Amino acid sequence: MSTKIKYVKHPISRDEKKKLREQGFKIVDARFDPKPEKAEAPKGDK
């Protein structure tokens, strides 16, 4: 079984973290992403 990893710019809200975990993702700060162009910013940021 492989773990899906989601690289997200922190800080991230508890609600967003909960949604990603329910989808089976392990959440890692975007600064550790080996391919930074695919990192996602948390929703609601401007």
N, C-alpha and C. Protein backbone atom coordinates (compact mmCIF):
# COMPACT_ATOMS: atom_id res chain seq x y z
N MET A 1 0.84 -1.18 0.00
CA MET A 1 0.00 0.00 0.00
C MET A 1 0.89 1.24 0.00
N SER A 2 0.64 2.18 -0.93
CA SER A 2 1.42 3.40 -0.94
C SER A 2 0.57 4.53 -0.34
N THR A 3 1.25 5.43 0.36
CA THR A 3 0.58 6.56 0.98
C THR A 3 0.57 7.72 0.01
N LYS A 4 -0.60 8.33 -0.15
CA LYS A 4 -0.70 9.53 -0.99
C LYS A 4 -0.24 10.70 -0.14
N ILE A 5 0.63 11.52 -0.71
CA ILE A 5 1.15 12.69 0.00
C ILE A 5 0.65 13.94 -0.69
N LYS A 6 0.16 14.88 0.11
CA LYS A 6 -0.32 16.17 -0.39
C LYS A 6 0.59 17.24 0.20
N TYR A 7 1.31 17.95 -0.68
CA TYR A 7 2.17 19.04 -0.23
C TYR A 7 1.36 20.33 -0.23
N VAL A 8 1.23 20.94 0.93
CA VAL A 8 0.39 22.12 1.09
C VAL A 8 1.17 23.20 1.82
N LYS A 9 0.99 24.45 1.37
CA LYS A 9 1.64 25.57 2.05
C LYS A 9 0.98 25.75 3.42
N HIS A 10 1.80 25.76 4.45
CA HIS A 10 1.30 25.91 5.82
C HIS A 10 1.30 27.37 6.22
N PRO A 11 0.50 27.81 7.14
CA PRO A 11 -0.42 27.03 7.95
C PRO A 11 -1.66 26.62 7.16
N ILE A 12 -2.27 25.53 7.60
CA ILE A 12 -3.47 24.99 6.96
C ILE A 12 -4.55 24.88 8.04
N SER A 13 -5.78 25.13 7.67
CA SER A 13 -6.86 25.10 8.66
C SER A 13 -7.17 23.66 9.09
N ARG A 14 -7.77 23.55 10.24
CA ARG A 14 -8.14 22.22 10.75
C ARG A 14 -9.14 21.54 9.82
N ASP A 15 -10.07 22.35 9.27
CA ASP A 15 -11.08 21.79 8.37
C ASP A 15 -10.44 21.23 7.10
N GLU A 16 -9.50 22.00 6.53
CA GLU A 16 -8.83 21.54 5.31
C GLU A 16 -8.00 20.29 5.60
N LYS A 17 -7.33 20.27 6.74
CA LYS A 17 -6.53 19.11 7.14
C LYS A 17 -7.42 17.88 7.29
N LYS A 18 -8.57 18.06 7.89
CA LYS A 18 -9.51 16.96 8.09
C LYS A 18 -9.99 16.40 6.75
N LYS A 19 -10.33 17.31 5.81
CA LYS A 19 -10.80 16.88 4.49
C LYS A 19 -9.75 16.06 3.76
N LEU A 20 -8.49 16.54 3.80
CA LEU A 20 -7.42 15.83 3.11
C LEU A 20 -7.15 14.47 3.74
N ARG A 21 -7.19 14.40 5.06
CA ARG A 21 -6.97 13.12 5.74
C ARG A 21 -8.09 12.12 5.43
N GLU A 22 -9.32 12.62 5.33
CA GLU A 22 -10.44 11.75 4.99
C GLU A 22 -10.29 11.17 3.59
N GLN A 23 -9.60 11.91 2.72
CA GLN A 23 -9.36 11.44 1.35
C GLN A 23 -8.15 10.51 1.28
N GLY A 24 -7.49 10.29 2.42
CA GLY A 24 -6.38 9.35 2.48
C GLY A 24 -5.00 9.97 2.26
N PHE A 25 -4.90 11.30 2.34
CA PHE A 25 -3.63 11.96 2.13
C PHE A 25 -2.86 12.13 3.42
N LYS A 26 -1.52 12.06 3.31
CA LYS A 26 -0.63 12.47 4.38
C LYS A 26 -0.24 13.90 4.03
N ILE A 27 -0.35 14.84 4.97
CA ILE A 27 -0.12 16.25 4.71
C ILE A 27 1.31 16.62 5.08
N VAL A 28 2.02 17.24 4.12
CA VAL A 28 3.40 17.66 4.33
C VAL A 28 3.52 19.11 3.87
N ASP A 29 4.29 19.91 4.61
CA ASP A 29 4.49 21.32 4.26
C ASP A 29 5.11 21.41 2.86
N ALA A 30 4.64 22.37 2.06
CA ALA A 30 5.08 22.53 0.68
C ALA A 30 6.58 22.79 0.57
N ARG A 31 7.20 23.31 1.61
CA ARG A 31 8.65 23.57 1.52
C ARG A 31 9.47 22.29 1.41
N PHE A 32 8.88 21.14 1.69
CA PHE A 32 9.57 19.86 1.57
C PHE A 32 9.25 19.14 0.27
N ASP A 33 8.48 19.78 -0.59
CA ASP A 33 8.07 19.18 -1.86
C ASP A 33 9.27 19.08 -2.80
N PRO A 34 9.59 17.88 -3.29
CA PRO A 34 10.71 17.73 -4.22
C PRO A 34 10.42 18.35 -5.59
N LYS A 35 9.14 18.59 -5.90
CA LYS A 35 8.72 19.23 -7.14
C LYS A 35 7.84 20.42 -6.78
N PRO A 36 8.44 21.55 -6.39
CA PRO A 36 7.68 22.68 -5.85
C PRO A 36 6.58 23.23 -6.74
N GLU A 37 6.63 23.05 -8.05
CA GLU A 37 5.61 23.60 -8.91
C GLU A 37 4.25 22.96 -8.72
N LYS A 38 4.18 21.82 -8.06
CA LYS A 38 2.89 21.17 -7.87
C LYS A 38 2.28 21.40 -6.48
N ALA A 39 2.95 22.17 -5.64
CA ALA A 39 2.43 22.45 -4.30
C ALA A 39 1.19 23.32 -4.38
N GLU A 40 0.26 23.09 -3.46
CA GLU A 40 -0.99 23.84 -3.43
C GLU A 40 -1.03 24.75 -2.21
N ALA A 41 -1.58 25.93 -2.41
CA ALA A 41 -1.79 26.86 -1.30
C ALA A 41 -3.11 26.50 -0.63
N PRO A 42 -3.23 26.75 0.66
CA PRO A 42 -4.50 26.47 1.33
C PRO A 42 -5.62 27.33 0.74
N LYS A 43 -6.82 26.80 0.72
CA LYS A 43 -7.95 27.54 0.19
C LYS A 43 -8.25 28.72 1.08
N GLY A 44 -8.66 29.82 0.46
CA GLY A 44 -9.01 31.01 1.22
C GLY A 44 -7.87 32.00 1.31
N ASP A 45 -6.65 31.62 0.91
CA ASP A 45 -5.53 32.56 0.92
C ASP A 45 -5.65 33.52 -0.24
N LYS A 46 -5.20 34.74 -0.04
CA LYS A 46 -5.24 35.72 -1.14
C LYS A 46 -3.86 36.26 -1.39
